[in-house]
Amino acid sequence: MSDLPLSRTDKSTFPPRTPWRPGFPEVVIHATVAARDRHADYAAAKAGDAGSALTLSRDLLSRVAIDTLESLVGAPGAVLLPVTAVELAGFNAIPDAMAQIIALTLGWRLSAGEVLQNNRVGHTRAAAFNRFVTPAAFDGPVEADSNYVLVDDHVGLGGTLANLKGYIESAGGRVVAMTTLTESREARHIALHSTNLEMLRMRHGEELEKFWTEQFGYGLDCLTNVEGAILRRELSVDSIRNRLAQGAVEARGRGLLPAVGFDD
């Protein structure tokens, strides 16, 4: 498989990323995965039922977490921007419901239907390298010089939030915080730690930096902390290349269009 070169398949819609600013805050988490999974309305909410999403969010959003968001952002608040995603099971209604409740609680403005995810990625329970090759991309107007708080239902690798941050900041906005209903282990530490970046560069050198920039359009300093740890564990750049290639094959098998794949 390493004899087949990877290439970016659609450079025009490839999502941008921006480096993490020093001191970027942890993702504010509201509930445990166990509490989410046992909630009677979770499956329907994930598949697009707005009423179920509101019930789930009312039951599981944490007032402590909302207060933490308020203290992180300060006055005069920020624009709440939910990730609007179409999953394999349907439209994910949870981020929008979460953002509605937080907006009502804090008196912040809600960006509803303005910035939208424009591709289908199927990240729920997908393997890491499948997610790398099917990055979420976004369209829509951004308010330059405005502060944004990103809202999603779950943070795992953190790639979707990092891509939405890149989209907003590339258009002149500023992402000041992120919040999700749940997290995978340690995923709230979303900004790539300087030690993790240094170890990643020591392990794979300039070869990975060049390869990653060519394939994904951004440098290693734009990775999330979980993404950086995953790449650091690979034995070589060839191993990373092969894992990405296999991820592209598997994504196509699930009816998705990977952003990187094999040259014909």
C-alpha atoms as a PDB file:
ATOM      1  CA  MET A   1       0.000   0.000   0.000  1.00  0.00           C
ATOM      2  CA  SER A   2       2.926   2.381   0.603  1.00  0.00           C
ATOM      3  CA  ASP A   3       3.697   2.268  -3.150  1.00  0.00           C
ATOM      4  CA  LEU A   4       0.461   4.159  -3.854  1.00  0.00           C
ATOM      5  CA  PRO A   5       0.942   7.912  -3.267  1.00  0.00           C
ATOM      6  CA  LEU A   6      -1.621   9.797  -1.260  1.00  0.00           C
ATOM      7  CA  SER A   7      -3.064  13.004  -2.652  1.00  0.00           C
ATOM      8  CA  ARG A   8      -5.531  15.637  -1.577  1.00  0.00           C
ATOM      9  CA  THR A   9      -8.755  14.946  -3.447  1.00  0.00           C
ATOM     10  CA  ASP A  10     -10.504  18.327  -3.254  1.00  0.00           C
ATOM     11  CA  LYS A  11      -8.254  21.246  -2.380  1.00  0.00           C
ATOM     12  CA  SER A  12     -11.010  23.823  -2.943  1.00  0.00           C
ATOM     13  CA  THR A  13     -13.095  22.654   0.024  1.00  0.00           C
ATOM     14  CA  PHE A  14     -10.311  21.478   2.319  1.00  0.00           C
ATOM     15  CA  PRO A  15     -10.893  22.894   5.830  1.00  0.00           C
ATOM     16  CA  PRO A  16      -8.319  25.360   7.162  1.00  0.00           C
ATOM     17  CA  ARG A  17      -6.806  25.218  10.630  1.00  0.00           C
ATOM     18  CA  THR A  18      -5.096  27.822  12.764  1.00  0.00           C
ATOM     19  CA  PRO A  19      -2.453  27.298  15.486  1.00  0.00           C
ATOM     20  CA  TRP A  20      -3.536  27.208  19.118  1.00  0.00           C
ATOM     21  CA  ARG A  21      -2.905  30.421  20.971  1.00  0.00           C
ATOM     22  CA  PRO A  22      -1.032  30.138  24.292  1.00  0.00           C
ATOM     23  CA  GLY A  23      -3.370  29.351  27.171  1.00  0.00           C
ATOM     24  CA  PHE A  24      -6.269  28.182  25.009  1.00  0.00           C
ATOM     25  CA  PRO A  25      -8.797  26.810  27.536  1.00  0.00           C
ATOM     26  CA  GLU A  26      -9.857  23.209  27.948  1.00  0.00           C
ATOM     27  CA  VAL A  27     -13.155  22.177  26.399  1.00  0.00           C
ATOM     28  CA  VAL A  28     -15.907  22.649  28.979  1.00  0.00           C
ATOM     29  CA  ILE A  29     -17.644  19.281  29.515  1.00  0.00           C
ATOM     30  CA  HIS A  30     -21.175  18.829  30.876  1.00  0.00           C
ATOM     31  CA  ALA A  31     -21.790  15.098  31.423  1.00  0.00           C
ATOM     32  CA  THR A  32     -20.307  11.618  31.279  1.00  0.00           C
ATOM     33  CA  VAL A  33     -20.625   9.294  28.312  1.00  0.00           C
ATOM     34  CA  ALA A  34     -22.389   6.776  30.570  1.00  0.00           C
ATOM     35  CA  ALA A  35     -25.062   9.308  31.541  1.00  0.00           C
ATOM     36  CA  ARG A  36     -25.558  10.261  27.894  1.00  0.00           C
ATOM     37  CA  ASP A  37     -25.800   6.679  26.653  1.00  0.00           C
ATOM     38  CA  ARG A  38     -28.404   5.639  29.206  1.00  0.00           C
ATOM     39  CA  HIS A  39     -30.602   8.650  28.495  1.00  0.00           C
ATOM     40  CA  ALA A  40     -33.795   7.567  26.735  1.00  0.00           C
ATOM     41  CA  ASP A  41     -33.657  10.425  24.222  1.00  0.00           C
ATOM     42  CA  TYR A  42     -30.028  10.154  23.121  1.00  0.00           C
ATOM     43  CA  ALA A  43     -30.437   7.974  20.020  1.00  0.00           C
ATOM     44  CA  ALA A  44     -33.341  10.014  18.664  1.00  0.00           C
ATOM     45  CA  ALA A  45     -31.515  13.288  19.363  1.00  0.00           C
ATOM     46  CA  LYS A  46     -28.392  12.075  17.574  1.00  0.00           C
ATOM     47  CA  ALA A  47     -30.557  11.111  14.591  1.00  0.00           C
ATOM     48  CA  GLY A  48     -32.144  14.558  14.360  1.00  0.00           C
ATOM     49  CA  ASP A  49     -35.197  14.731  16.612  1.00  0.00           C
ATOM     50  CA  ALA A  50     -35.190  18.303  17.938  1.00  0.00           C
ATOM     51  CA  GLY A  51     -37.553  17.617  20.839  1.00  0.00           C
ATOM     52  CA  SER A  52     -35.430  14.698  22.048  1.00  0.00           C
ATOM     53  CA  ALA A  53     -32.295  16.848  21.743  1.00  0.00           C
ATOM     54  CA  LEU A  54     -33.827  19.578  23.899  1.00  0.00           C
ATOM     55  CA  THR A  55     -34.908  17.059  26.532  1.00  0.00           C
ATOM     56  CA  LEU A  56     -31.467  15.450  26.560  1.00  0.00           C
ATOM     57  CA  SER A  57     -29.756  18.822  26.833  1.00  0.00           C
ATOM     58  CA  ARG A  58     -32.049  20.096  29.602  1.00  0.00           C
ATOM     59  CA  ASP A  59     -31.373  16.956  31.603  1.00  0.00           C
ATOM     60  CA  LEU A  60     -27.611  16.759  31.103  1.00  0.00           C
ATOM     61  CA  LEU A  61     -26.276  20.294  30.721  1.00  0.00           C
ATOM     62  CA  SER A  62     -24.394  21.287  33.867  1.00  0.00           C
ATOM     63  CA  ARG A  63     -24.952  24.659  35.540  1.00  0.00           C
ATOM     64  CA  VAL A  64     -21.400  24.437  36.876  1.00  0.00           C
ATOM     65  CA  ALA A  65     -20.115  23.993  33.318  1.00  0.00           C
ATOM     66  CA  ILE A  66     -22.229  26.899  32.059  1.00  0.00           C
ATOM     67  CA  ASP A  67     -20.867  29.108  34.834  1.00  0.00           C
ATOM     68  CA  THR A  68     -17.352  28.033  33.850  1.00  0.00           C
ATOM     69  CA  LEU A  69     -18.041  29.132  30.271  1.00  0.00           C
ATOM     70  CA  GLU A  70     -19.304  32.480  31.493  1.00  0.00           C
ATOM     71  CA  SER A  71     -16.176  33.035  33.587  1.00  0.00           C
ATOM     72  CA  LEU A  72     -13.882  32.021  30.711  1.00  0.00           C
ATOM     73  CA  VAL A  73     -15.494  34.397  28.234  1.00  0.00           C
ATOM     74  CA  GLY A  74     -16.431  37.313  30.456  1.00  0.00           C
ATOM     75  CA  ALA A  75     -18.414  40.359  29.368  1.00  0.00           C
ATOM     76  CA  PRO A  76     -20.015  41.011  26.945  1.00  0.00           C
ATOM     77  CA  GLY A  77     -20.223  37.292  26.169  1.00  0.00           C
ATOM     78  CA  ALA A  78     -19.815  35.606  22.808  1.00  0.00           C
ATOM     79  CA  VAL A  79     -21.644  34.160  19.827  1.00  0.00           C
ATOM     80  CA  LEU A  80     -22.599  30.524  20.450  1.00  0.00           C
ATOM     81  CA  LEU A  81     -21.929  28.478  17.314  1.00  0.00           C
ATOM     82  CA  PRO A  82     -23.173  24.872  17.302  1.00  0.00           C
ATOM     83  CA  VAL A  83     -21.608  22.289  15.007  1.00  0.00           C
ATOM     84  CA  THR A  84     -24.316  21.504  12.471  1.00  0.00           C
ATOM     85  CA  ALA A  85     -23.454  18.029  11.232  1.00  0.00           C
ATOM     86  CA  VAL A  86     -25.098  15.296   9.199  1.00  0.00           C
ATOM     87  CA  GLU A  87     -24.073  11.921  10.598  1.00  0.00           C
ATOM     88  CA  LEU A  88     -24.647   8.526   8.994  1.00  0.00           C
ATOM     89  CA  ALA A  89     -27.742   8.138  11.195  1.00  0.00           C
ATOM     90  CA  GLY A  90     -29.076  11.572  10.210  1.00  0.00           C
ATOM     91  CA  PHE A  91     -28.849  15.199  11.326  1.00  0.00           C
ATOM     92  CA  ASN A  92     -27.290  15.563  14.780  1.00  0.00           C
ATOM     93  CA  ALA A  93     -29.659  17.871  16.682  1.00  0.00           C
ATOM     94  CA  ILE A  94     -27.770  17.879  19.993  1.00  0.00           C
ATOM     95  CA  PRO A  95     -25.304  20.781  19.489  1.00  0.00           C
ATOM     96  CA  ASP A  96     -28.076  23.138  18.387  1.00  0.00           C
ATOM     97  CA  ALA A  97     -30.228  22.230  21.396  1.00  0.00           C
ATOM     98  CA  MET A  98     -27.276  22.715  23.739  1.00  0.00           C
ATOM     99  CA  ALA A  99     -26.504  26.112  22.242  1.00  0.00           C
ATOM    100  CA  GLN A 100     -30.145  27.220  22.569  1.00  0.00           C
ATOM    101  CA  ILE A 101     -30.197  26.423  26.281  1.00  0.00           C
ATOM    102  CA  ILE A 102     -26.814  28.043  26.981  1.00  0.00           C
ATOM    103  CA  ALA A 103     -27.885  31.146  25.038  1.00  0.00           C
ATOM    104  CA  LEU A 104     -31.077  31.467  27.087  1.00  0.00           C
ATOM    105  CA  THR A 105     -29.203  30.881  30.344  1.00  0.00           C
ATOM    106  CA  LEU A 106     -26.415  33.397  29.735  1.00  0.00           C
ATOM    107  CA  GLY A 107     -28.144  35.863  27.434  1.00  0.00           C
ATOM    108  CA  TRP A 108     -25.591  35.262  24.703  1.00  0.00           C
ATOM    109  CA  ARG A 109     -26.363  35.404  21.007  1.00  0.00           C
ATOM    110  CA  LEU A 110     -26.942  32.193  19.077  1.00  0.00           C
ATOM    111  CA  SER A 111     -25.633  31.698  15.558  1.00  0.00           C
ATOM    112  CA  ALA A 112     -28.384  29.542  14.076  1.00  0.00           C
ATOM    113  CA  GLY A 113     -27.992  28.199  10.553  1.00  0.00           C
ATOM    114  CA  GLU A 114     -25.303  30.679   9.521  1.00  0.00           C
ATOM    115  CA  VAL A 115     -22.107  28.596   9.554  1.00  0.00           C
ATOM    116  CA  LEU A 116     -22.874  25.026   8.521  1.00  0.00           C
ATOM    117  CA  GLN A 117     -20.886  21.848   7.997  1.00  0.00           C
ATOM    118  CA  ASN A 118     -21.003  21.211   4.263  1.00  0.00           C
ATOM    119  CA  ASN A 119     -19.923  17.560   4.101  1.00  0.00           C
ATOM    120  CA  ARG A 120     -20.854  14.229   5.639  1.00  0.00           C
ATOM    121  CA  VAL A 121     -18.112  12.643   7.708  1.00  0.00           C
ATOM    122  CA  GLY A 122     -19.607   9.852   9.824  1.00  0.00           C
ATOM    123  CA  HIS A 123     -17.168  10.309  12.709  1.00  0.00           C
ATOM    124  CA  THR A 124     -19.297   8.723  15.426  1.00  0.00           C
ATOM    125  CA  ARG A 125     -17.368   5.662  16.689  1.00  0.00           C
ATOM    126  CA  ALA A 126     -15.087   5.781  13.619  1.00  0.00           C
ATOM    127  CA  ALA A 127     -11.405   4.861  13.961  1.00  0.00           C
ATOM    128  CA  ALA A 128      -8.860   7.676  14.312  1.00  0.00           C
ATOM    129  CA  PHE A 129      -7.331   7.464  10.847  1.00  0.00           C
ATOM    130  CA  ASN A 130     -10.785   7.292   9.248  1.00  0.00           C
ATOM    131  CA  ARG A 131     -11.486  10.633  10.917  1.00  0.00           C
ATOM    132  CA  PHE A 132      -8.220  12.138   9.713  1.00  0.00           C
ATOM    133  CA  VAL A 133      -9.121  11.491   6.072  1.00  0.00           C
ATOM    134  CA  THR A 134     -12.735  12.700   6.374  1.00  0.00           C
ATOM    135  CA  PRO A 135     -12.332  16.135   7.991  1.00  0.00           C
ATOM    136  CA  ALA A 136     -15.399  18.270   8.618  1.00  0.00           C
ATOM    137  CA  ALA A 137     -15.566  21.366   6.392  1.00  0.00           C
ATOM    138  CA  PHE A 138     -17.730  24.460   6.814  1.00  0.00           C
ATOM    139  CA  ASP A 139     -19.433  27.245   4.863  1.00  0.00           C
ATOM    140  CA  GLY A 140     -21.204  30.433   5.859  1.00  0.00           C
ATOM    141  CA  PRO A 141     -20.652  34.029   6.931  1.00  0.00           C
ATOM    142  CA  VAL A 142     -18.373  34.818   9.872  1.00  0.00           C
ATOM    143  CA  GLU A 143     -18.554  38.029  11.880  1.00  0.00           C
ATOM    144  CA  ALA A 144     -15.074  39.514  11.790  1.00  0.00           C
ATOM    145  CA  ASP A 145     -13.708  40.590  15.184  1.00  0.00           C
ATOM    146  CA  SER A 146     -16.477  38.716  17.047  1.00  0.00           C
ATOM    147  CA  ASN A 147     -15.791  36.206  19.812  1.00  0.00           C
ATOM    148  CA  TYR A 148     -17.207  32.707  19.292  1.00  0.00           C
ATOM    149  CA  VAL A 149     -17.868  29.765  21.600  1.00  0.00           C
ATOM    150  CA  LEU A 150     -18.091  26.473  19.690  1.00  0.00           C
ATOM    151  CA  VAL A 151     -20.662  23.888  20.795  1.00  0.00           C
ATOM    152  CA  ASP A 152     -20.650  20.169  19.935  1.00  0.00           C
ATOM    153  CA  ASP A 153     -22.109  17.015  21.440  1.00  0.00           C
ATOM    154  CA  HIS A 154     -18.807  15.165  21.920  1.00  0.00           C
ATOM    155  CA  VAL A 155     -15.058  15.724  21.706  1.00  0.00           C
ATOM    156  CA  GLY A 156     -12.919  12.718  20.827  1.00  0.00           C
ATOM    157  CA  LEU A 157      -9.979  13.526  18.577  1.00  0.00           C
ATOM    158  CA  GLY A 158     -11.153  17.140  18.511  1.00  0.00           C
ATOM    159  CA  GLY A 159     -10.685  17.510  14.759  1.00  0.00           C
ATOM    160  CA  THR A 160     -14.143  18.890  13.987  1.00  0.00           C
ATOM    161  CA  LEU A 161     -13.801  21.600  16.622  1.00  0.00           C
ATOM    162  CA  ALA A 162     -10.283  22.406  15.424  1.00  0.00           C
ATOM    163  CA  ASN A 163     -11.527  22.690  11.835  1.00  0.00           C
ATOM    164  CA  LEU A 164     -14.429  24.938  12.817  1.00  0.00           C
ATOM    165  CA  LYS A 165     -12.020  27.087  14.851  1.00  0.00           C
ATOM    166  CA  GLY A 166      -9.771  27.336  11.793  1.00  0.00           C
ATOM    167  CA  TYR A 167     -12.695  28.321   9.590  1.00  0.00           C
ATOM    168  CA  ILE A 168     -13.847  31.037  11.990  1.00  0.00           C
ATOM    169  CA  GLU A 169     -10.384  32.452  12.636  1.00  0.00           C
ATOM    170  CA  SER A 170      -9.353  32.353   8.972  1.00  0.00           C
ATOM    171  CA  ALA A 171     -12.379  34.565   8.278  1.00  0.00           C
ATOM    172  CA  GLY A 172     -11.514  37.103  10.984  1.00  0.00           C
ATOM    173  CA  GLY A 173     -13.445  35.793  13.988  1.00  0.00           C
ATOM    174  CA  ARG A 174     -11.912  34.636  17.259  1.00  0.00           C
ATOM    175  CA  VAL A 175     -12.713  31.365  19.045  1.00  0.00           C
ATOM    176  CA  VAL A 176     -12.438  31.962  22.783  1.00  0.00           C
ATOM    177  CA  ALA A 177     -13.871  28.716  24.178  1.00  0.00           C
ATOM    178  CA  MET A 178     -15.425  25.366  23.309  1.00  0.00           C
ATOM    179  CA  THR A 179     -18.007  23.234  25.084  1.00  0.00           C
ATOM    180  CA  THR A 180     -19.325  19.705  24.509  1.00  0.00           C
ATOM    181  CA  LEU A 181     -21.826  17.467  26.216  1.00  0.00           C
ATOM    182  CA  THR A 182     -19.304  14.626  26.651  1.00  0.00           C
ATOM    183  CA  GLU A 183     -15.687  13.693  25.965  1.00  0.00           C
ATOM    184  CA  SER A 184     -13.487  10.719  25.248  1.00  0.00           C
ATOM    185  CA  ARG A 185     -10.704  10.182  27.765  1.00  0.00           C
ATOM    186  CA  GLU A 186      -8.630  13.371  28.254  1.00  0.00           C
ATOM    187  CA  ALA A 187     -10.031  14.923  25.057  1.00  0.00           C
ATOM    188  CA  ARG A 188     -10.943  18.139  26.865  1.00  0.00           C
ATOM    189  CA  HIS A 189      -7.232  19.017  26.645  1.00  0.00           C
ATOM    190  CA  ILE A 190      -7.767  19.991  23.024  1.00  0.00           C
ATOM    191  CA  ALA A 191      -4.887  22.385  22.317  1.00  0.00           C
ATOM    192  CA  LEU A 192      -1.699  20.597  21.298  1.00  0.00           C
ATOM    193  CA  HIS A 193       0.673  20.714  24.253  1.00  0.00           C
ATOM    194  CA  SER A 194       4.124  22.075  23.457  1.00  0.00           C
ATOM    195  CA  THR A 195       5.775  18.946  24.915  1.00  0.00           C
ATOM    196  CA  ASN A 196       3.634  16.703  22.714  1.00  0.00           C
ATOM    197  CA  LEU A 197       4.542  18.768  19.638  1.00  0.00           C
ATOM    198  CA  GLU A 198       8.244  18.631  20.496  1.00  0.00           C
ATOM    199  CA  MET A 199       8.137  14.846  20.962  1.00  0.00           C
ATOM    200  CA  LEU A 200       6.212  14.423  17.712  1.00  0.00           C
ATOM    201  CA  ARG A 201       8.817  16.406  15.792  1.00  0.00           C
ATOM    202  CA  MET A 202      11.663  14.544  17.467  1.00  0.00           C
ATOM    203  CA  ARG A 203      10.140  11.196  16.520  1.00  0.00           C
ATOM    204  CA  HIS A 204       9.203  11.903  12.899  1.00  0.00           C
ATOM    205  CA  GLY A 205      11.260  14.965  11.987  1.00  0.00           C
ATOM    206  CA  GLU A 206      10.717  17.362   9.096  1.00  0.00           C
ATOM    207  CA  GLU A 207       9.445  14.522   6.895  1.00  0.00           C
ATOM    208  CA  LEU A 208       6.136  14.384   8.768  1.00  0.00           C
ATOM    209  CA  GLU A 209       5.770  18.173   8.864  1.00  0.00           C
ATOM    210  CA  LYS A 210       6.230  18.361   5.088  1.00  0.00           C
ATOM    211  CA  PHE A 211       3.959  15.392   4.386  1.00  0.00           C
ATOM    212  CA  TRP A 212       1.207  16.624   6.714  1.00  0.00           C
ATOM    213  CA  THR A 213       1.241  20.142   5.301  1.00  0.00           C
ATOM    214  CA  GLU A 214       1.071  18.828   1.734  1.00  0.00           C
ATOM    215  CA  GLN A 215      -1.818  16.481   2.489  1.00  0.00           C
ATOM    216  CA  PHE A 216      -3.904  18.484   4.948  1.00  0.00           C
ATOM    217  CA  GLY A 217      -2.908  22.088   4.320  1.00  0.00           C
ATOM    218  CA  TYR A 218      -1.733  22.914   7.853  1.00  0.00           C
ATOM    219  CA  GLY A 219       1.299  22.257  10.031  1.00  0.00           C
ATOM    220  CA  LEU A 220       1.676  19.986  13.026  1.00  0.00           C
ATOM    221  CA  ASP A 221       1.160  22.918  15.416  1.00  0.00           C
ATOM    222  CA  CYS A 222      -2.515  22.954  14.372  1.00  0.00           C
ATOM    223  CA  LEU A 223      -3.151  19.370  15.516  1.00  0.00           C
ATOM    224  CA  THR A 224      -5.196  18.668  18.612  1.00  0.00           C
ATOM    225  CA  ASN A 225      -3.436  17.100  21.576  1.00  0.00           C
ATOM    226  CA  VAL A 226      -5.113  13.718  20.989  1.00  0.00           C
ATOM    227  CA  GLU A 227      -4.233  13.780  17.272  1.00  0.00           C
ATOM    228  CA  GLY A 228      -0.626  14.571  18.114  1.00  0.00           C
ATOM    229  CA  ALA A 229      -0.441  11.682  20.562  1.00  0.00           C
ATOM    230  CA  ILE A 230      -1.859   9.273  17.969  1.00  0.00           C
ATOM    231  CA  LEU A 231       0.700  10.274  15.337  1.00  0.00           C
ATOM    232  CA  ARG A 232       3.519  10.176  17.874  1.00  0.00           C
ATOM    233  CA  ARG A 233       2.778   6.516  18.633  1.00  0.00           C
ATOM    234  CA  GLU A 234       3.274   5.473  15.002  1.00  0.00           C
ATOM    235  CA  LEU A 235       6.662   3.955  14.197  1.00  0.00           C
ATOM    236  CA  SER A 236       7.380   5.984  11.070  1.00  0.00           C
ATOM    237  CA  VAL A 237       5.987   8.415   8.514  1.00  0.00           C
ATOM    238  CA  ASP A 238       5.474   5.444   6.178  1.00  0.00           C
ATOM    239  CA  SER A 239       3.311   3.853   8.859  1.00  0.00           C
ATOM    240  CA  ILE A 240       1.247   7.043   9.116  1.00  0.00           C
ATOM    241  CA  ARG A 241       0.929   7.210   5.328  1.00  0.00           C
ATOM    242  CA  ASN A 242      -0.284   3.612   5.166  1.00  0.00           C
ATOM    243  CA  ARG A 243      -2.765   4.091   7.994  1.00  0.00           C
ATOM    244  CA  LEU A 244      -4.206   7.123   6.216  1.00  0.00           C
ATOM    245  CA  ALA A 245      -4.448   5.192   2.956  1.00  0.00           C
ATOM    246  CA  GLN A 246      -6.310   2.369   4.691  1.00  0.00           C
ATOM    247  CA  GLY A 247      -8.572   4.924   6.351  1.00  0.00           C
ATOM    248  CA  ALA A 248      -9.428   6.356   2.927  1.00  0.00           C
ATOM    249  CA  VAL A 249     -10.332   2.898   1.644  1.00  0.00           C
ATOM    250  CA  GLU A 250     -12.541   2.229   4.655  1.00  0.00           C
ATOM    251  CA  ALA A 251     -14.222   5.641   4.348  1.00  0.00           C
ATOM    252  CA  ARG A 252     -15.144   4.948   0.730  1.00  0.00           C
ATOM    253  CA  GLY A 253     -16.533   1.595   1.825  1.00  0.00           C
ATOM    254  CA  ARG A 254     -18.868   3.467   4.166  1.00  0.00           C
ATOM    255  CA  GLY A 255     -20.062   5.699   1.335  1.00  0.00           C
ATOM    256  CA  LEU A 256     -17.950   8.716   2.345  1.00  0.00           C
ATOM    257  CA  LEU A 257     -15.655  10.862   0.214  1.00  0.00           C
ATOM    258  CA  PRO A 258     -12.215  11.068   1.853  1.00  0.00           C
ATOM    259  CA  ALA A 259     -10.247  14.288   1.543  1.00  0.00           C
ATOM    260  CA  VAL A 260      -7.075  12.348   0.851  1.00  0.00           C
ATOM    261  CA  GLY A 261      -6.773   9.156  -1.129  1.00  0.00           C
ATOM    262  CA  PHE A 262      -4.830   7.311  -3.784  1.00  0.00           C
ATOM    263  CA  ASP A 263      -3.633   8.865  -6.985  1.00  0.00           C
ATOM    264  CA  ASP A 264      -5.035   7.030  -9.984  1.00  0.00           C
END
